[in-house]
C-alpha cells in the first residue's frame, strides 16, 4: 500500500509540475508560481498525514 501511495504522489507531482512549466512558458508567471507551490504541497503533505 505504501508503494501505491508513493507512485500516486509521484504521478500527481510530475503532472502538476508539468502544468506549472506550461504556465511559465505561456507567460503566466504568477499562476505558475502558485501551481509549483501546489506541487510542493503534494510532495510534502503525505509525509505528515498518510505516511507517518
PDB file of N, CA and C in Angstrom:
ATOM      1  N   UNK A   1       0.820  -1.187   0.000  1.00  0.00           N
ATOM      2  CA  UNK A   1       0.000   0.000   0.000  1.00  0.00           C
ATOM      3  C   UNK A   1       0.867   1.256   0.000  1.00  0.00           C
ATOM      4  N   UNK A   2       1.969   1.203   0.719  1.00  0.00           N
ATOM      5  CA  UNK A   2       2.861   2.350   0.756  1.00  0.00           C
ATOM      6  C   UNK A   2       3.467   2.609  -0.621  1.00  0.00           C
ATOM      7  N   UNK A   3       3.779   1.567  -1.347  1.00  0.00           N
ATOM      8  CA  UNK A   3       4.307   1.738  -2.700  1.00  0.00           C
ATOM      9  C   UNK A   3       3.289   2.433  -3.589  1.00  0.00           C
ATOM     10  N   UNK A   4       2.016   2.054  -3.463  1.00  0.00           N
ATOM     11  CA  UNK A   4       0.953   2.692  -4.229  1.00  0.00           C
ATOM     12  C   UNK A   4       0.871   4.181  -3.918  1.00  0.00           C
ATOM     13  N   UNK A   5       1.003   4.538  -2.646  1.00  0.00           N
ATOM     14  CA  UNK A   5       0.953   5.949  -2.244  1.00  0.00           C
ATOM     15  C   UNK A   5       2.116   6.714  -2.857  1.00  0.00           C
ATOM     16  N   UNK A   6       3.320   6.139  -2.811  1.00  0.00           N
ATOM     17  CA  UNK A   6       4.482   6.807  -3.401  1.00  0.00           C
ATOM     18  C   UNK A   6       4.328   6.989  -4.909  1.00  0.00           C
ATOM     19  N   UNK A   7       3.810   5.972  -5.578  1.00  0.00           N
ATOM     20  CA  UNK A   7       3.623   6.060  -7.035  1.00  0.00           C
ATOM     21  C   UNK A   7       2.603   7.141  -7.370  1.00  0.00           C
ATOM     22  N   UNK A   8       1.471   7.156  -6.678  1.00  0.00           N
ATOM     23  CA  UNK A   8       0.440   8.163  -6.942  1.00  0.00           C
ATOM     24  C   UNK A   8       0.944   9.564  -6.623  1.00  0.00           C
ATOM     25  N   UNK A   9       1.683   9.708  -5.533  1.00  0.00           N
ATOM     26  CA  UNK A   9       2.241  11.003  -5.164  1.00  0.00           C
ATOM     27  C   UNK A   9       3.201  11.494  -6.244  1.00  0.00           C
ATOM     28  N   UNK A  10       4.021  10.609  -6.760  1.00  0.00           N
ATOM     29  CA  UNK A  10       4.973  10.977  -7.804  1.00  0.00           C
ATOM     30  C   UNK A  10       4.248  11.373  -9.090  1.00  0.00           C
ATOM     31  N   UNK A  11       3.241  10.605  -9.469  1.00  0.00           N
ATOM     32  CA  UNK A  11       2.483  10.926 -10.683  1.00  0.00           C
ATOM     33  C   UNK A  11       1.801  12.283 -10.548  1.00  0.00           C
ATOM     34  N   UNK A  12       1.176  12.542  -9.412  1.00  0.00           N
ATOM     35  CA  UNK A  12       0.492  13.818  -9.216  1.00  0.00           C
ATOM     36  C   UNK A  12       1.484  14.972  -9.201  1.00  0.00           C
ATOM     37  N   UNK A  13       2.656  14.769  -8.595  1.00  0.00           N
ATOM     38  CA  UNK A  13       3.666  15.821  -8.559  1.00  0.00           C
ATOM     39  C   UNK A  13       4.179  16.140  -9.960  1.00  0.00           C
ATOM     40  N   UNK A  14       4.496  15.114 -10.725  1.00  0.00           N
ATOM     41  CA  UNK A  14       5.023  15.325 -12.080  1.00  0.00           C
ATOM     42  C   UNK A  14       3.985  16.010 -12.961  1.00  0.00           C
ATOM     43  N   UNK A  15       2.728  15.585 -12.864  1.00  0.00           N
ATOM     44  CA  UNK A  15       1.663  16.181 -13.667  1.00  0.00           C
ATOM     45  C   UNK A  15       1.473  17.655 -13.307  1.00  0.00           C
ATOM     46  N   UNK A  16       1.436  17.956 -12.007  1.00  0.00           N
ATOM     47  CA  UNK A  16       1.233  19.332 -11.560  1.00  0.00           C
ATOM     48  C   UNK A  16       2.432  20.205 -11.900  1.00  0.00           C
ATOM     49  N   UNK A  17       3.641  19.691 -11.717  1.00  0.00           N
ATOM     50  CA  UNK A  17       4.831  20.462 -12.066  1.00  0.00           C
ATOM     51  C   UNK A  17       4.891  20.709 -13.573  1.00  0.00           C
ATOM     52  N   UNK A  18       4.492  19.735 -14.365  1.00  0.00           N
ATOM     53  CA  UNK A  18       4.443  19.926 -15.814  1.00  0.00           C
ATOM     54  C   UNK A  18       3.458  21.000 -16.208  1.00  0.00           C
ATOM     55  N   UNK A  19       2.321  21.047 -15.522  1.00  0.00           N
ATOM     56  CA  UNK A  19       1.360  22.111 -15.774  1.00  0.00           C
ATOM     57  C   UNK A  19       1.950  23.465 -15.397  1.00  0.00           C
ATOM     58  N   UNK A  20       2.727  23.513 -14.318  1.00  0.00           N
ATOM     59  CA  UNK A  20       3.401  24.756 -13.926  1.00  0.00           C
ATOM     60  C   UNK A  20       4.392  25.215 -14.981  1.00  0.00           C
ATOM     61  N   UNK A  21       5.124  24.287 -15.573  1.00  0.00           N
ATOM     62  CA  UNK A  21       6.068  24.628 -16.642  1.00  0.00           C
ATOM     63  C   UNK A  21       5.306  25.165 -17.856  1.00  0.00           C
ATOM     64  N   UNK A  22       4.176  24.562 -18.172  1.00  0.00           N
ATOM     65  CA  UNK A  22       3.362  25.048 -19.293  1.00  0.00           C
ATOM     66  C   UNK A  22       2.878  26.470 -19.033  1.00  0.00           C
ATOM     67  N   UNK A  23       2.436  26.737 -17.815  1.00  0.00           N
ATOM     68  CA  UNK A  23       2.013  28.095 -17.484  1.00  0.00           C
ATOM     69  C   UNK A  23       3.182  29.072 -17.591  1.00  0.00           C
ATOM     70  N   UNK A  24       4.355  28.664 -17.158  1.00  0.00           N
ATOM     71  CA  UNK A  24       5.540  29.530 -17.216  1.00  0.00           C
ATOM     72  C   UNK A  24       5.872  29.866 -18.673  1.00  0.00           C
ATOM     73  N   UNK A  25       5.795  28.880 -19.540  1.00  0.00           N
ATOM     74  CA  UNK A  25       6.084  29.106 -20.957  1.00  0.00           C
ATOM     75  C   UNK A  25       5.042  30.003 -21.610  1.00  0.00           C
ATOM     76  N   UNK A  26       3.805  29.967 -21.106  1.00  0.00           N
ATOM     77  CA  UNK A  26       2.739  30.808 -21.648  1.00  0.00           C
ATOM     78  C   UNK A  26       2.735  32.204 -21.023  1.00  0.00           C
ATOM     79  N   UNK A  27       3.814  32.537 -20.322  1.00  0.00           N
ATOM     80  CA  UNK A  27       3.994  33.861 -19.703  1.00  0.00           C
ATOM     81  C   UNK A  27       2.991  34.154 -18.593  1.00  0.00           C
ATOM     82  N   UNK A  28       2.504  33.126 -17.931  1.00  0.00           N
ATOM     83  CA  UNK A  28       1.625  33.301 -16.778  1.00  0.00           C
ATOM     84  C   UNK A  28       2.431  32.981 -15.524  1.00  0.00           C
ATOM     85  N   UNK A  29       3.337  33.895 -15.189  1.00  0.00           N
ATOM     86  CA  UNK A  29       4.277  33.645 -14.093  1.00  0.00           C
ATOM     87  C   UNK A  29       3.591  33.516 -12.721  1.00  0.00           C
ATOM     88  N   UNK A  30       2.646  34.410 -12.348  1.00  0.00           N
ATOM     89  CA  UNK A  30       2.019  34.238 -11.019  1.00  0.00           C
ATOM     90  C   UNK A  30       1.277  32.899 -10.895  1.00  0.00           C
ATOM     91  N   UNK A  31       0.571  32.504 -11.924  1.00  0.00           N
ATOM     92  CA  UNK A  31      -0.124  31.217 -11.890  1.00  0.00           C
ATOM     93  C   UNK A  31       0.844  30.062 -11.789  1.00  0.00           C
ATOM     94  N   UNK A  32       1.967  30.191 -12.458  1.00  0.00           N
ATOM     95  CA  UNK A  32       2.978  29.147 -12.424  1.00  0.00           C
ATOM     96  C   UNK A  32       3.567  28.987 -11.023  1.00  0.00           C
ATOM     97  N   UNK A  33       3.823  30.100 -10.361  1.00  0.00           N
ATOM     98  CA  UNK A  33       4.375  30.051  -9.006  1.00  0.00           C
ATOM     99  C   UNK A  33       3.382  29.362  -8.062  1.00  0.00           C
ATOM    100  N   UNK A  34       2.101  29.686  -8.197  1.00  0.00           N
ATOM    101  CA  UNK A  34       1.077  29.066  -7.350  1.00  0.00           C
ATOM    102  C   UNK A  34       0.994  27.566  -7.623  1.00  0.00           C
ATOM    103  N   UNK A  35       1.056  27.165  -8.883  1.00  0.00           N
ATOM    104  CA  UNK A  35       0.975  25.740  -9.223  1.00  0.00           C
ATOM    105  C   UNK A  35       2.211  25.002  -8.714  1.00  0.00           C
ATOM    106  N   UNK A  36       3.390  25.614  -8.781  1.00  0.00           N
ATOM    107  CA  UNK A  36       4.580  24.973  -8.223  1.00  0.00           C
ATOM    108  C   UNK A  36       4.452  24.833  -6.704  1.00  0.00           C
ATOM    109  N   UNK A  37       3.844  25.822  -6.049  1.00  0.00           N
ATOM    110  CA  UNK A  37       3.580  25.700  -4.612  1.00  0.00           C
ATOM    111  C   UNK A  37       2.654  24.532  -4.314  1.00  0.00           C
ATOM    112  N   UNK A  38       1.640  24.354  -5.158  1.00  0.00           N
ATOM    113  CA  UNK A  38       0.739  23.217  -5.020  1.00  0.00           C
ATOM    114  C   UNK A  38       1.489  21.901  -5.221  1.00  0.00           C
ATOM    115  N   UNK A  39       2.391  21.876  -6.204  1.00  0.00           N
ATOM    116  CA  UNK A  39       3.181  20.663  -6.450  1.00  0.00           C
ATOM    117  C   UNK A  39       4.060  20.334  -5.238  1.00  0.00           C
ATOM    118  N   UNK A  40       4.633  21.354  -4.617  1.00  0.00           N
ATOM    119  CA  UNK A  40       5.449  21.107  -3.424  1.00  0.00           C
ATOM    120  C   UNK A  40       4.577  20.590  -2.277  1.00  0.00           C
ATOM    121  N   UNK A  41       3.368  21.110  -2.155  1.00  0.00           N
ATOM    122  CA  UNK A  41       2.444  20.624  -1.128  1.00  0.00           C
ATOM    123  C   UNK A  41       2.082  19.166  -1.369  1.00  0.00           C
ATOM    124  N   UNK A  42       1.857  18.824  -2.637  1.00  0.00           N
ATOM    125  CA  UNK A  42       1.553  17.429  -2.975  1.00  0.00           C
ATOM    126  C   UNK A  42       2.724  16.524  -2.607  1.00  0.00           C
ATOM    127  N   UNK A  43       3.940  17.009  -2.778  1.00  0.00           N
ATOM    128  CA  UNK A  43       5.122  16.191  -2.488  1.00  0.00           C
ATOM    129  C   UNK A  43       5.389  16.070  -0.986  1.00  0.00           C
ATOM    130  N   UNK A  44       5.050  17.094  -0.204  1.00  0.00           N
ATOM    131  CA  UNK A  44       5.421  17.112   1.211  1.00  0.00           C
ATOM    132  C   UNK A  44       4.299  16.638   2.134  1.00  0.00           C
ATOM    133  N   UNK A  45       3.056  16.993   1.843  1.00  0.00           N
ATOM    134  CA  UNK A  45       1.932  16.720   2.752  1.00  0.00           C
ATOM    135  C   UNK A  45       1.757  15.247   3.127  1.00  0.00           C
ATOM    136  N   UNK A  46       1.912  14.295   2.205  1.00  0.00           N
ATOM    137  CA  UNK A  46       1.695  12.897   2.615  1.00  0.00           C
ATOM    138  C   UNK A  46       2.636  12.418   3.719  1.00  0.00           C
ATOM    139  N   UNK A  47       3.811  13.025   3.839  1.00  0.00           N
ATOM    140  CA  UNK A  47       4.745  12.601   4.886  1.00  0.00           C
ATOM    141  C   UNK A  47       4.242  12.996   6.269  1.00  0.00           C
ATOM    142  N   UNK A  48       3.370  14.008   6.353  1.00  0.00           N
ATOM    143  CA  UNK A  48       2.815  14.446   7.629  1.00  0.00           C
ATOM    144  C   UNK A  48       1.440  13.858   7.900  1.00  0.00           C
ATOM    145  N   UNK A  49       0.808  13.275   6.882  1.00  0.00           N
ATOM    146  CA  UNK A  49      -0.552  12.767   7.071  1.00  0.00           C
ATOM    147  C   UNK A  49      -0.616  11.252   6.900  1.00  0.00           C
ATOM    148  N   UNK A  50      -0.448  10.759   5.699  1.00  0.00           N
ATOM    149  CA  UNK A  50      -0.663   9.345   5.392  1.00  0.00           C
ATOM    150  C   UNK A  50       0.528   8.479   5.792  1.00  0.00           C
ATOM    151  N   UNK A  51       1.730   8.966   5.568  1.00  0.00           N
ATOM    152  CA  UNK A  51       2.936   8.140   5.724  1.00  0.00           C
ATOM    153  C   UNK A  51       3.652   8.375   7.065  1.00  0.00           C
ATOM    154  N   UNK A  52       2.926   8.540   8.139  1.00  0.00           N
ATOM    155  CA  UNK A  52       3.567   8.781   9.435  1.00  0.00           C
ATOM    156  C   UNK A  52       4.322   7.574   9.920  1.00  0.00           C
TER     157      UNK A  52
END
